[in-house]
Amino acid sequence: MITPSLCHQLERMLKLTSFQTVRDDSKAVGTFNAGVPQGSVTSPSLYNMFIGSFPRSVIAGEPRNTNPVILFADYVELKARSRDELQALLKQAETWAVANDMFWNVTKCSIICADPN
């Protein structure tokens, strides 16, 4: 369970984190604010807490006894039986992402069609 105190500490840590990109081991190219550094020991746990609400938000719009979302590490799969159902799931995914200040990297996304009919 996340206590209010832990939530406050995590929020401060994530808001106060900034990174500097360096090119050629010498020149600072820019500074940007971000969340947890990749490779941090806290990254997997924080990611799991963050992404945990995603399946529940998508499932909320689905009929009972279906599971349209599969999560594995940082991999997300949406399962749909039709184009309309897929479009609805994508819309729910977009709504969730906007509400959580996140974006999907569409260059890493793909659609696999098991039955082209």
PDB file of N, CA and C in Angstrom:
ATOM      1  N   MET A   1       0.841  -1.193   0.000  1.00  0.00           N
ATOM      2  CA  MET A   1       0.000   0.000   0.000  1.00  0.00           C
ATOM      3  C   MET A   1       0.877   1.245   0.000  1.00  0.00           C
ATOM      4  N   ILE A   2       0.473   2.200  -0.768  1.00  0.00           N
ATOM      5  CA  ILE A   2       1.215   3.456  -0.829  1.00  0.00           C
ATOM      6  C   ILE A   2       0.604   4.430   0.165  1.00  0.00           C
ATOM      7  N   THR A   3       1.381   4.788   1.152  1.00  0.00           N
ATOM      8  CA  THR A   3       0.915   5.730   2.163  1.00  0.00           C
ATOM      9  C   THR A   3       1.018   7.150   1.614  1.00  0.00           C
ATOM     10  N   PRO A   4       0.283   8.086   2.194  1.00  0.00           N
ATOM     11  CA  PRO A   4       0.402   9.481   1.737  1.00  0.00           C
ATOM     12  C   PRO A   4       1.833  10.001   1.851  1.00  0.00           C
ATOM     13  N   SER A   5       2.550   9.594   2.896  1.00  0.00           N
ATOM     14  CA  SER A   5       3.933  10.038   3.067  1.00  0.00           C
ATOM     15  C   SER A   5       4.820   9.518   1.946  1.00  0.00           C
ATOM     16  N   LEU A   6       4.688   8.226   1.618  1.00  0.00           N
ATOM     17  CA  LEU A   6       5.474   7.657   0.526  1.00  0.00           C
ATOM     18  C   LEU A   6       5.107   8.312  -0.796  1.00  0.00           C
ATOM     19  N   CYS A   7       3.841   8.544  -1.012  1.00  0.00           N
ATOM     20  CA  CYS A   7       3.381   9.202  -2.233  1.00  0.00           C
ATOM     21  C   CYS A   7       4.011  10.588  -2.356  1.00  0.00           C
ATOM     22  N   HIS A   8       4.046  11.319  -1.271  1.00  0.00           N
ATOM     23  CA  HIS A   8       4.635  12.660  -1.267  1.00  0.00           C
ATOM     24  C   HIS A   8       6.132  12.583  -1.583  1.00  0.00           C
ATOM     25  N   GLN A   9       6.837  11.628  -0.970  1.00  0.00           N
ATOM     26  CA  GLN A   9       8.274  11.478  -1.223  1.00  0.00           C
ATOM     27  C   GLN A   9       8.545  11.117  -2.679  1.00  0.00           C
ATOM     28  N   LEU A  10       7.755  10.199  -3.219  1.00  0.00           N
ATOM     29  CA  LEU A  10       7.926   9.815  -4.619  1.00  0.00           C
ATOM     30  C   LEU A  10       7.644  10.988  -5.548  1.00  0.00           C
ATOM     31  N   GLU A  11       6.594  11.730  -5.250  1.00  0.00           N
ATOM     32  CA  GLU A  11       6.245  12.889  -6.072  1.00  0.00           C
ATOM     33  C   GLU A  11       7.381  13.907  -6.077  1.00  0.00           C
ATOM     34  N   ARG A  12       7.950  14.187  -4.909  1.00  0.00           N
ATOM     35  CA  ARG A  12       9.066  15.135  -4.834  1.00  0.00           C
ATOM     36  C   ARG A  12      10.269  14.624  -5.627  1.00  0.00           C
ATOM     37  N   MET A  13      10.564  13.327  -5.480  1.00  0.00           N
ATOM     38  CA  MET A  13      11.705  12.758  -6.181  1.00  0.00           C
ATOM     39  C   MET A  13      11.523  12.873  -7.692  1.00  0.00           C
ATOM     40  N   LEU A  14      10.324  12.563  -8.171  1.00  0.00           N
ATOM     41  CA  LEU A  14      10.089  12.579  -9.606  1.00  0.00           C
ATOM     42  C   LEU A  14      10.046  13.989 -10.168  1.00  0.00           C
ATOM     43  N   LYS A  15       9.512  14.934  -9.419  1.00  0.00           N
ATOM     44  CA  LYS A  15       9.426  16.314  -9.908  1.00  0.00           C
ATOM     45  C   LYS A  15      10.770  17.023  -9.867  1.00  0.00           C
ATOM     46  N   LEU A  16      11.634  16.626  -8.933  1.00  0.00           N
ATOM     47  CA  LEU A  16      12.904  17.317  -8.772  1.00  0.00           C
ATOM     48  C   LEU A  16      14.037  16.667  -9.565  1.00  0.00           C
ATOM     49  N   THR A  17      13.741  15.638 -10.326  1.00  0.00           N
ATOM     50  CA  THR A  17      14.774  14.952 -11.087  1.00  0.00           C
ATOM     51  C   THR A  17      14.983  15.660 -12.419  1.00  0.00           C
ATOM     52  N   SER A  18      16.227  15.952 -12.734  1.00  0.00           N
ATOM     53  CA  SER A  18      16.538  16.515 -14.044  1.00  0.00           C
ATOM     54  C   SER A  18      17.789  15.817 -14.567  1.00  0.00           C
ATOM     55  N   PHE A  19      17.918  15.804 -15.869  1.00  0.00           N
ATOM     56  CA  PHE A  19      19.039  15.134 -16.508  1.00  0.00           C
ATOM     57  C   PHE A  19      19.697  16.092 -17.471  1.00  0.00           C
ATOM     58  N   GLN A  20      20.957  15.841 -17.727  1.00  0.00           N
ATOM     59  CA  GLN A  20      21.677  16.635 -18.704  1.00  0.00           C
ATOM     60  C   GLN A  20      22.209  15.677 -19.758  1.00  0.00           C
ATOM     61  N   THR A  21      21.930  15.969 -21.003  1.00  0.00           N
ATOM     62  CA  THR A  21      22.448  15.125 -22.070  1.00  0.00           C
ATOM     63  C   THR A  21      23.829  15.630 -22.468  1.00  0.00           C
ATOM     64  N   VAL A  22      24.702  14.709 -22.759  1.00  0.00           N
ATOM     65  CA  VAL A  22      26.074  15.068 -23.107  1.00  0.00           C
ATOM     66  C   VAL A  22      26.436  14.392 -24.416  1.00  0.00           C
ATOM     67  N   ARG A  23      27.058  15.128 -25.282  1.00  0.00           N
ATOM     68  CA  ARG A  23      27.503  14.591 -26.561  1.00  0.00           C
ATOM     69  C   ARG A  23      29.029  14.646 -26.598  1.00  0.00           C
ATOM     70  N   ASP A  24      29.650  13.623 -27.089  1.00  0.00           N
ATOM     71  CA  ASP A  24      31.117  13.538 -27.220  1.00  0.00           C
ATOM     72  C   ASP A  24      31.821  13.672 -25.872  1.00  0.00           C
ATOM     73  N   ASP A  25      31.171  13.216 -24.822  1.00  0.00           N
ATOM     74  CA  ASP A  25      31.748  13.216 -23.466  1.00  0.00           C
ATOM     75  C   ASP A  25      32.216  14.585 -22.986  1.00  0.00           C
ATOM     76  N   SER A  26      31.781  15.668 -23.618  1.00  0.00           N
ATOM     77  CA  SER A  26      32.290  16.958 -23.165  1.00  0.00           C
ATOM     78  C   SER A  26      31.257  18.080 -23.173  1.00  0.00           C
ATOM     79  N   LYS A  27      30.397  18.135 -24.158  1.00  0.00           N
ATOM     80  CA  LYS A  27      29.508  19.274 -24.300  1.00  0.00           C
ATOM     81  C   LYS A  27      28.119  18.962 -23.762  1.00  0.00           C
ATOM     82  N   ALA A  28      27.613  19.823 -22.914  1.00  0.00           N
ATOM     83  CA  ALA A  28      26.237  19.690 -22.445  1.00  0.00           C
ATOM     84  C   ALA A  28      25.308  20.178 -23.533  1.00  0.00           C
ATOM     85  N   VAL A  29      24.394  19.342 -23.972  1.00  0.00           N
ATOM     86  CA  VAL A  29      23.489  19.699 -25.051  1.00  0.00           C
ATOM     87  C   VAL A  29      22.210  20.299 -24.514  1.00  0.00           C
ATOM     88  N   GLY A  30      21.753  19.824 -23.363  1.00  0.00           N
ATOM     89  CA  GLY A  30      20.516  20.364 -22.814  1.00  0.00           C
ATOM     90  C   GLY A  30      20.129  19.674 -21.523  1.00  0.00           C
ATOM     91  N   THR A  31      19.278  20.314 -20.777  1.00  0.00           N
ATOM     92  CA  THR A  31      18.776  19.766 -19.527  1.00  0.00           C
ATOM     93  C   THR A  31      17.280  19.600 -19.651  1.00  0.00           C
ATOM     94  N   PHE A  32      16.760  18.507 -19.140  1.00  0.00           N
ATOM     95  CA  PHE A  32      15.324  18.292 -19.175  1.00  0.00           C
ATOM     96  C   PHE A  32      14.873  17.611 -17.893  1.00  0.00           C
ATOM     97  N   ASN A  33      13.648  17.889 -17.516  1.00  0.00           N
ATOM     98  CA  ASN A  33      13.069  17.265 -16.336  1.00  0.00           C
ATOM     99  C   ASN A  33      12.436  15.944 -16.738  1.00  0.00           C
ATOM    100  N   ALA A  34      12.579  14.960 -15.893  1.00  0.00           N
ATOM    101  CA  ALA A  34      12.036  13.643 -16.206  1.00  0.00           C
ATOM    102  C   ALA A  34      11.752  12.904 -14.911  1.00  0.00           C
ATOM    103  N   GLY A  35      11.284  11.701 -15.055  1.00  0.00           N
ATOM    104  CA  GLY A  35      10.968  10.866 -13.900  1.00  0.00           C
ATOM    105  C   GLY A  35      12.178  10.114 -13.397  1.00  0.00           C
ATOM    106  N   VAL A  36      12.028   8.839 -13.219  1.00  0.00           N
ATOM    107  CA  VAL A  36      13.072   7.990 -12.658  1.00  0.00           C
ATOM    108  C   VAL A  36      14.103   7.679 -13.727  1.00  0.00           C
ATOM    109  N   PRO A  37      15.395   7.765 -13.386  1.00  0.00           N
ATOM    110  CA  PRO A  37      16.417   7.423 -14.375  1.00  0.00           C
ATOM    111  C   PRO A  37      16.311   5.955 -14.792  1.00  0.00           C
ATOM    112  N   GLN A  38      16.512   5.683 -16.062  1.00  0.00           N
ATOM    113  CA  GLN A  38      16.486   4.305 -16.538  1.00  0.00           C
ATOM    114  C   GLN A  38      17.610   3.544 -15.853  1.00  0.00           C
ATOM    115  N   GLY A  39      17.299   2.343 -15.372  1.00  0.00           N
ATOM    116  CA  GLY A  39      18.280   1.537 -14.676  1.00  0.00           C
ATOM    117  C   GLY A  39      18.288   1.734 -13.177  1.00  0.00           C
ATOM    118  N   SER A  40      17.522   2.689 -12.683  1.00  0.00           N
ATOM    119  CA  SER A  40      17.426   2.914 -11.247  1.00  0.00           C
ATOM    120  C   SER A  40      16.785   1.687 -10.589  1.00  0.00           C
ATOM    121  N   VAL A  41      17.201   1.374  -9.356  1.00  0.00           N
ATOM    122  CA  VAL A  41      16.626   0.216  -8.665  1.00  0.00           C
ATOM    123  C   VAL A  41      15.148   0.423  -8.369  1.00  0.00           C
ATOM    124  N   THR A  42      14.704   1.664  -8.355  1.00  0.00           N
ATOM    125  CA  THR A  42      13.291   1.942  -8.095  1.00  0.00           C
ATOM    126  C   THR A  42      12.429   1.906  -9.349  1.00  0.00           C
ATOM    127  N   SER A  43      13.070   1.901 -10.519  1.00  0.00           N
ATOM    128  CA  SER A  43      12.320   1.974 -11.776  1.00  0.00           C
ATOM    129  C   SER A  43      11.261   0.892 -11.945  1.00  0.00           C
ATOM    130  N   PRO A  44      11.580  -0.391 -11.774  1.00  0.00           N
ATOM    131  CA  PRO A  44      10.547  -1.412 -11.997  1.00  0.00           C
ATOM    132  C   PRO A  44       9.340  -1.272 -11.077  1.00  0.00           C
ATOM    133  N   SER A  45       9.585  -1.006  -9.811  1.00  0.00           N
ATOM    134  CA  SER A  45       8.461  -0.868  -8.870  1.00  0.00           C
ATOM    135  C   SER A  45       7.611   0.351  -9.188  1.00  0.00           C
ATOM    136  N   LEU A  46       8.265   1.464  -9.484  1.00  0.00           N
ATOM    137  CA  LEU A  46       7.511   2.678  -9.806  1.00  0.00           C
ATOM    138  C   LEU A  46       6.741   2.515 -11.110  1.00  0.00           C
ATOM    139  N   TYR A  47       7.337   1.853 -12.089  1.00  0.00           N
ATOM    140  CA  TYR A  47       6.633   1.613 -13.349  1.00  0.00           C
ATOM    141  C   TYR A  47       5.405   0.741 -13.108  1.00  0.00           C
ATOM    142  N   ASN A  48       5.563  -0.313 -12.314  1.00  0.00           N
ATOM    143  CA  ASN A  48       4.422  -1.184 -12.017  1.00  0.00           C
ATOM    144  C   ASN A  48       3.297  -0.425 -11.323  1.00  0.00           C
ATOM    145  N   MET A  49       3.652   0.461 -10.386  1.00  0.00           N
ATOM    146  CA  MET A  49       2.619   1.261  -9.722  1.00  0.00           C
ATOM    147  C   MET A  49       1.946   2.195 -10.718  1.00  0.00           C
ATOM    148  N   PHE A  50       2.734   2.764 -11.621  1.00  0.00           N
ATOM    149  CA  PHE A  50       2.208   3.705 -12.604  1.00  0.00           C
ATOM    150  C   PHE A  50       1.278   3.020 -13.598  1.00  0.00           C
ATOM    151  N   ILE A  51       1.737   1.920 -14.171  1.00  0.00           N
ATOM    152  CA  ILE A  51       0.983   1.269 -15.247  1.00  0.00           C
ATOM    153  C   ILE A  51      -0.189   0.449 -14.706  1.00  0.00           C
ATOM    154  N   GLY A  52      -0.219   0.202 -13.407  1.00  0.00           N
ATOM    155  CA  GLY A  52      -1.245  -0.653 -12.809  1.00  0.00           C
ATOM    156  C   GLY A  52      -2.674  -0.217 -13.068  1.00  0.00           C
ATOM    157  N   SER A  53      -2.905   1.055 -13.201  1.00  0.00           N
ATOM    158  CA  SER A  53      -4.272   1.532 -13.431  1.00  0.00           C
ATOM    159  C   SER A  53      -4.697   1.389 -14.891  1.00  0.00           C
ATOM    160  N   PHE A  54      -3.749   1.158 -15.787  1.00  0.00           N
ATOM    161  CA  PHE A  54      -4.094   1.081 -17.204  1.00  0.00           C
ATOM    162  C   PHE A  54      -5.048  -0.067 -17.536  1.00  0.00           C
ATOM    163  N   PRO A  55      -4.735  -1.321 -17.153  1.00  0.00           N
ATOM    164  CA  PRO A  55      -5.676  -2.401 -17.482  1.00  0.00           C
ATOM    165  C   PRO A  55      -7.060  -2.185 -16.889  1.00  0.00           C
ATOM    166  N   ARG A  56      -7.124  -1.666 -15.670  1.00  0.00           N
ATOM    167  CA  ARG A  56      -8.435  -1.428 -15.042  1.00  0.00           C
ATOM    168  C   ARG A  56      -9.226  -0.386 -15.815  1.00  0.00           C
ATOM    169  N   SER A  57      -8.566   0.625 -16.340  1.00  0.00           N
ATOM    170  CA  SER A  57      -9.293   1.664 -17.078  1.00  0.00           C
ATOM    171  C   SER A  57      -9.812   1.137 -18.404  1.00  0.00           C
ATOM    172  N   VAL A  58      -9.064   0.239 -19.044  1.00  0.00           N
ATOM    173  CA  VAL A  58      -9.508  -0.333 -20.317  1.00  0.00           C
ATOM    174  C   VAL A  58     -10.581  -1.383 -20.088  1.00  0.00           C
ATOM    175  N   ILE A  59     -10.384  -2.228 -19.082  1.00  0.00           N
ATOM    176  CA  ILE A  59     -11.344  -3.289 -18.784  1.00  0.00           C
ATOM    177  C   ILE A  59     -12.698  -2.705 -18.387  1.00  0.00           C
ATOM    178  N   ALA A  60     -12.687  -1.514 -17.807  1.00  0.00           N
ATOM    179  CA  ALA A  60     -13.944  -0.884 -17.385  1.00  0.00           C
ATOM    180  C   ALA A  60     -14.923  -0.749 -18.543  1.00  0.00           C
ATOM    181  N   GLY A  61     -14.418  -0.636 -19.751  1.00  0.00           N
ATOM    182  CA  GLY A  61     -15.289  -0.477 -20.903  1.00  0.00           C
ATOM    183  C   GLY A  61     -15.582  -1.781 -21.631  1.00  0.00           C
ATOM    184  N   GLU A  62     -15.123  -2.887 -21.094  1.00  0.00           N
ATOM    185  CA  GLU A  62     -15.271  -4.177 -21.758  1.00  0.00           C
ATOM    186  C   GLU A  62     -16.320  -5.051 -21.080  1.00  0.00           C
ATOM    187  N   PRO A  63     -16.906  -5.968 -21.820  1.00  0.00           N
ATOM    188  CA  PRO A  63     -17.839  -6.910 -21.217  1.00  0.00           C
ATOM    189  C   PRO A  63     -17.114  -7.797 -20.205  1.00  0.00           C
ATOM    190  N   ARG A  64     -17.853  -8.355 -19.254  1.00  0.00           N
ATOM    191  CA  ARG A  64     -17.249  -9.254 -18.260  1.00  0.00           C
ATOM    192  C   ARG A  64     -16.626 -10.461 -18.941  1.00  0.00           C
ATOM    193  N   ASN A  65     -15.694 -11.065 -18.244  1.00  0.00           N
ATOM    194  CA  ASN A  65     -15.001 -12.280 -18.691  1.00  0.00           C
ATOM    195  C   ASN A  65     -14.146 -12.069 -19.933  1.00  0.00           C
ATOM    196  N   THR A  66     -13.762 -10.841 -20.211  1.00  0.00           N
ATOM    197  CA  THR A  66     -12.798 -10.608 -21.283  1.00  0.00           C
ATOM    198  C   THR A  66     -11.585  -9.931 -20.663  1.00  0.00           C
ATOM    199  N   ASN A  67     -10.446 -10.134 -21.260  1.00  0.00           N
ATOM    200  CA  ASN A  67      -9.223  -9.503 -20.786  1.00  0.00           C
ATOM    201  C   ASN A  67      -8.492  -8.938 -21.999  1.00  0.00           C
ATOM    202  N   PRO A  68      -8.830  -7.715 -22.388  1.00  0.00           N
ATOM    203  CA  PRO A  68      -8.256  -7.146 -23.603  1.00  0.00           C
ATOM    204  C   PRO A  68      -6.839  -6.595 -23.430  1.00  0.00           C
ATOM    205  N   VAL A  69      -6.293  -6.632 -22.191  1.00  0.00           N
ATOM    206  CA  VAL A  69      -4.981  -6.037 -21.944  1.00  0.00           C
ATOM    207  C   VAL A  69      -4.029  -7.083 -21.358  1.00  0.00           C
ATOM    208  N   ILE A  70      -2.859  -7.183 -21.952  1.00  0.00           N
ATOM    209  CA  ILE A  70      -1.801  -8.031 -21.411  1.00  0.00           C
ATOM    210  C   ILE A  70      -0.593  -7.141 -21.160  1.00  0.00           C
ATOM    211  N   LEU A  71      -0.032  -7.226 -19.954  1.00  0.00           N
ATOM    212  CA  LEU A  71       1.169  -6.473 -19.600  1.00  0.00           C
ATOM    213  C   LEU A  71       2.300  -7.447 -19.307  1.00  0.00           C
ATOM    214  N   PHE A  72       3.480  -7.153 -19.831  1.00  0.00           N
ATOM    215  CA  PHE A  72       4.673  -7.907 -19.498  1.00  0.00           C
ATOM    216  C   PHE A  72       5.838  -6.934 -19.545  1.00  0.00           C
ATOM    217  N   ALA A  73       6.468  -6.718 -18.393  1.00  0.00           N
ATOM    218  CA  ALA A  73       7.527  -5.712 -18.277  1.00  0.00           C
ATOM    219  C   ALA A  73       6.993  -4.386 -18.821  1.00  0.00           C
ATOM    220  N   ASP A  74       7.623  -3.803 -19.840  1.00  0.00           N
ATOM    221  CA  ASP A  74       7.116  -2.541 -20.395  1.00  0.00           C
ATOM    222  C   ASP A  74       6.378  -2.765 -21.713  1.00  0.00           C
ATOM    223  N   TYR A  75       5.927  -3.985 -21.922  1.00  0.00           N
ATOM    224  CA  TYR A  75       5.187  -4.372 -23.122  1.00  0.00           C
ATOM    225  C   TYR A  75       3.696  -4.367 -22.807  1.00  0.00           C
ATOM    226  N   VAL A  76       2.919  -3.728 -23.663  1.00  0.00           N
ATOM    227  CA  VAL A  76       1.469  -3.676 -23.497  1.00  0.00           C
ATOM    228  C   VAL A  76       0.825  -4.236 -24.756  1.00  0.00           C
ATOM    229  N   GLU A  77      -0.107  -5.165 -24.570  1.00  0.00           N
ATOM    230  CA  GLU A  77      -0.832  -5.729 -25.709  1.00  0.00           C
ATOM    231  C   GLU A  77      -2.322  -5.494 -25.509  1.00  0.00           C
ATOM    232  N   LEU A  78      -2.972  -5.007 -26.554  1.00  0.00           N
ATOM    233  CA  LEU A  78      -4.422  -4.845 -26.569  1.00  0.00           C
ATOM    234  C   LEU A  78      -4.990  -5.895 -27.507  1.00  0.00           C
ATOM    235  N   LYS A  79      -5.938  -6.673 -27.027  1.00  0.00           N
ATOM    236  CA  LYS A  79      -6.557  -7.718 -27.851  1.00  0.00           C
ATOM    237  C   LYS A  79      -7.972  -7.294 -28.213  1.00  0.00           C
ATOM    238  N   ALA A  80      -8.293  -7.377 -29.494  1.00  0.00           N
ATOM    239  CA  ALA A  80      -9.622  -6.988 -29.972  1.00  0.00           C
ATOM    240  C   ALA A  80     -10.117  -8.006 -30.985  1.00  0.00           C
ATOM    241  N   ARG A  81     -11.434  -8.112 -31.091  1.00  0.00           N
ATOM    242  CA  ARG A  81     -12.055  -9.046 -32.022  1.00  0.00           C
ATOM    243  C   ARG A  81     -12.490  -8.378 -33.323  1.00  0.00           C
ATOM    244  N   SER A  82     -12.434  -7.055 -33.370  1.00  0.00           N
ATOM    245  CA  SER A  82     -12.839  -6.344 -34.580  1.00  0.00           C
ATOM    246  C   SER A  82     -12.107  -5.002 -34.646  1.00  0.00           C
ATOM    247  N   ARG A  83     -12.174  -4.379 -35.801  1.00  0.00           N
ATOM    248  CA  ARG A  83     -11.557  -3.051 -35.952  1.00  0.00           C
ATOM    249  C   ARG A  83     -12.205  -2.031 -35.038  1.00  0.00           C
ATOM    250  N   ASP A  84     -13.540  -2.099 -34.930  1.00  0.00           N
ATOM    251  CA  ASP A  84     -14.246  -1.156 -34.057  1.00  0.00           C
ATOM    252  C   ASP A  84     -13.843  -1.343 -32.601  1.00  0.00           C
ATOM    253  N   GLU A  85     -13.711  -2.599 -32.191  1.00  0.00           N
ATOM    254  CA  GLU A  85     -13.299  -2.877 -30.802  1.00  0.00           C
ATOM    255  C   GLU A  85     -11.870  -2.396 -30.574  1.00  0.00           C
ATOM    256  N   LEU A  86     -10.987  -2.620 -31.548  1.00  0.00           N
ATOM    257  CA  LEU A  86      -9.614  -2.140 -31.429  1.00  0.00           C
ATOM    258  C   LEU A  86      -9.581  -0.621 -31.344  1.00  0.00           C
ATOM    259  N   GLN A  87     -10.359   0.043 -32.175  1.00  0.00           N
ATOM    260  CA  GLN A  87     -10.404   1.509 -32.142  1.00  0.00           C
ATOM    261  C   GLN A  87     -10.879   2.007 -30.780  1.00  0.00           C
ATOM    262  N   ALA A  88     -11.867   1.332 -30.197  1.00  0.00           N
ATOM    263  CA  ALA A  88     -12.361   1.712 -28.866  1.00  0.00           C
ATOM    264  C   ALA A  88     -11.271   1.516 -27.815  1.00  0.00           C
ATOM    265  N   LEU A  89     -10.523   0.409 -27.893  1.00  0.00           N
ATOM    266  CA  LEU A  89      -9.433   0.164 -26.946  1.00  0.00           C
ATOM    267  C   LEU A  89      -8.332   1.208 -27.096  1.00  0.00           C
ATOM    268  N   LEU A  90      -8.000   1.559 -28.331  1.00  0.00           N
ATOM    269  CA  LEU A  90      -6.985   2.580 -28.571  1.00  0.00           C
ATOM    270  C   LEU A  90      -7.424   3.933 -28.019  1.00  0.00           C
ATOM    271  N   LYS A  91      -8.699   4.243 -28.162  1.00  0.00           N
ATOM    272  CA  LYS A  91      -9.224   5.502 -27.614  1.00  0.00           C
ATOM    273  C   LYS A  91      -9.119   5.505 -26.092  1.00  0.00           C
ATOM    274  N   GLN A  92      -9.446   4.363 -25.470  1.00  0.00           N
ATOM    275  CA  GLN A  92      -9.315   4.265 -24.009  1.00  0.00           C
ATOM    276  C   GLN A  92      -7.854   4.390 -23.597  1.00  0.00           C
ATOM    277  N   ALA A  93      -6.943   3.780 -24.368  1.00  0.00           N
ATOM    278  CA  ALA A  93      -5.513   3.886 -24.075  1.00  0.00           C
ATOM    279  C   ALA A  93      -5.046   5.336 -24.189  1.00  0.00           C
ATOM    280  N   GLU A  94      -5.536   6.039 -25.205  1.00  0.00           N
ATOM    281  CA  GLU A  94      -5.176   7.452 -25.371  1.00  0.00           C
ATOM    282  C   GLU A  94      -5.710   8.288 -24.212  1.00  0.00           C
ATOM    283  N   THR A  95      -6.946   8.045 -23.819  1.00  0.00           N
ATOM    284  CA  THR A  95      -7.548   8.784 -22.704  1.00  0.00           C
ATOM    285  C   THR A  95      -6.745   8.570 -21.433  1.00  0.00           C
ATOM    286  N   TRP A  96      -6.380   7.313 -21.169  1.00  0.00           N
ATOM    287  CA  TRP A  96      -5.582   6.995 -19.977  1.00  0.00           C
ATOM    288  C   TRP A  96      -4.226   7.698 -20.037  1.00  0.00           C
ATOM    289  N   ALA A  97      -3.568   7.664 -21.201  1.00  0.00           N
ATOM    290  CA  ALA A  97      -2.252   8.279 -21.339  1.00  0.00           C
ATOM    291  C   ALA A  97      -2.316   9.787 -21.089  1.00  0.00           C
ATOM    292  N   VAL A  98      -3.303  10.447 -21.660  1.00  0.00           N
ATOM    293  CA  VAL A  98      -3.446  11.894 -21.457  1.00  0.00           C
ATOM    294  C   VAL A  98      -3.693  12.210 -19.977  1.00  0.00           C
ATOM    295  N   ALA A  99      -4.551  11.420 -19.348  1.00  0.00           N
ATOM    296  CA  ALA A  99      -4.855  11.651 -17.928  1.00  0.00           C
ATOM    297  C   ALA A  99      -3.635  11.424 -17.039  1.00  0.00           C
ATOM    298  N   ASN A 100      -2.680  10.617 -17.508  1.00  0.00           N
ATOM    299  CA  ASN A 100      -1.492  10.291 -16.715  1.00  0.00           C
ATOM    300  C   ASN A 100      -0.219  10.951 -17.241  1.00  0.00           C
ATOM    301  N   ASP A 101      -0.386  11.991 -18.059  1.00  0.00           N
ATOM    302  CA  ASP A 101       0.768  12.736 -18.614  1.00  0.00           C
ATOM    303  C   ASP A 101       1.785  11.814 -19.271  1.00  0.00           C
ATOM    304  N   MET A 102       1.297  10.893 -20.077  1.00  0.00           N
ATOM    305  CA  MET A 102       2.162   9.940 -20.749  1.00  0.00           C
ATOM    306  C   MET A 102       1.826   9.930 -22.232  1.00  0.00           C
ATOM    307  N   PHE A 103       2.741   9.473 -23.052  1.00  0.00           N
ATOM    308  CA  PHE A 103       2.435   9.288 -24.463  1.00  0.00           C
ATOM    309  C   PHE A 103       2.909   7.907 -24.872  1.00  0.00           C
ATOM    310  N   TRP A 104       2.245   7.350 -25.865  1.00  0.00           N
ATOM    311  CA  TRP A 104       2.639   6.059 -26.429  1.00  0.00           C
ATOM    312  C   TRP A 104       3.627   6.335 -27.543  1.00  0.00           C
ATOM    313  N   ASN A 105       4.689   5.579 -27.604  1.00  0.00           N
ATOM    314  CA  ASN A 105       5.664   5.726 -28.672  1.00  0.00           C
ATOM    315  C   ASN A 105       5.155   4.943 -29.884  1.00  0.00           C
ATOM    316  N   VAL A 106       4.471   5.631 -30.775  1.00  0.00           N
ATOM    317  CA  VAL A 106       3.820   4.958 -31.904  1.00  0.00           C
ATOM    318  C   VAL A 106       4.819   4.300 -32.857  1.00  0.00           C
ATOM    319  N   THR A 107       6.076   4.730 -32.838  1.00  0.00           N
ATOM    320  CA  THR A 107       7.065   4.073 -33.691  1.00  0.00           C
ATOM    321  C   THR A 107       7.384   2.673 -33.200  1.00  0.00           C
ATOM    322  N   LYS A 108       7.032   2.369 -31.965  1.00  0.00           N
ATOM    323  CA  LYS A 108       7.265   1.028 -31.408  1.00  0.00           C
ATOM    324  C   LYS A 108       5.976   0.209 -31.353  1.00  0.00           C
ATOM    325  N   CYS A 109       4.906   0.735 -31.917  1.00  0.00           N
ATOM    326  CA  CYS A 109       3.612   0.056 -31.885  1.00  0.00           C
ATOM    327  C   CYS A 109       3.354  -0.663 -33.214  1.00  0.00           C
ATOM    328  N   SER A 110       2.593  -1.736 -33.132  1.00  0.00           N
ATOM    329  CA  SER A 110       2.213  -2.437 -34.352  1.00  0.00           C
ATOM    330  C   SER A 110       0.868  -3.129 -34.136  1.00  0.00           C
ATOM    331  N   ILE A 111       0.277  -3.559 -35.235  1.00  0.00           N
ATOM    332  CA  ILE A 111      -0.989  -4.290 -35.193  1.00  0.00           C
ATOM    333  C   ILE A 111      -0.761  -5.641 -35.845  1.00  0.00           C
ATOM    334  N   ILE A 112      -1.178  -6.688 -35.159  1.00  0.00           N
ATOM    335  CA  ILE A 112      -1.110  -8.034 -35.709  1.00  0.00           C
ATOM    336  C   ILE A 112      -2.545  -8.510 -35.896  1.00  0.00           C
ATOM    337  N   CYS A 113      -2.867  -8.847 -37.108  1.00  0.00           N
ATOM    338  CA  CYS A 113      -4.224  -9.299 -37.426  1.00  0.00           C
ATOM    339  C   CYS A 113      -4.204 -10.805 -37.622  1.00  0.00           C
ATOM    340  N   ALA A 114      -4.889 -11.541 -36.723  1.00  0.00           N
ATOM    341  CA  ALA A 114      -4.917 -13.002 -36.816  1.00  0.00           C
ATOM    342  C   ALA A 114      -5.874 -13.471 -37.902  1.00  0.00           C
ATOM    343  N   ASP A 115      -6.925 -12.696 -38.161  1.00  0.00           N
ATOM    344  CA  ASP A 115      -7.913 -13.059 -39.171  1.00  0.00           C
ATOM    345  C   ASP A 115      -8.223 -11.816 -39.982  1.00  0.00           C
ATOM    346  N   PRO A 116      -7.684 -11.696 -41.187  1.00  0.00           N
ATOM    347  CA  PRO A 116      -7.876 -10.470 -41.976  1.00  0.00           C
ATOM    348  C   PRO A 116      -9.312 -10.240 -42.434  1.00  0.00           C
ATOM    349  N   ASN A 117     -10.187 -11.189 -42.232  1.00  0.00           N
ATOM    350  CA  ASN A 117     -11.586 -11.000 -42.630  1.00  0.00           C
ATOM    351  C   ASN A 117     -12.265 -10.181 -41.582  1.00  0.00           C
TER     352      ASN A 117
END
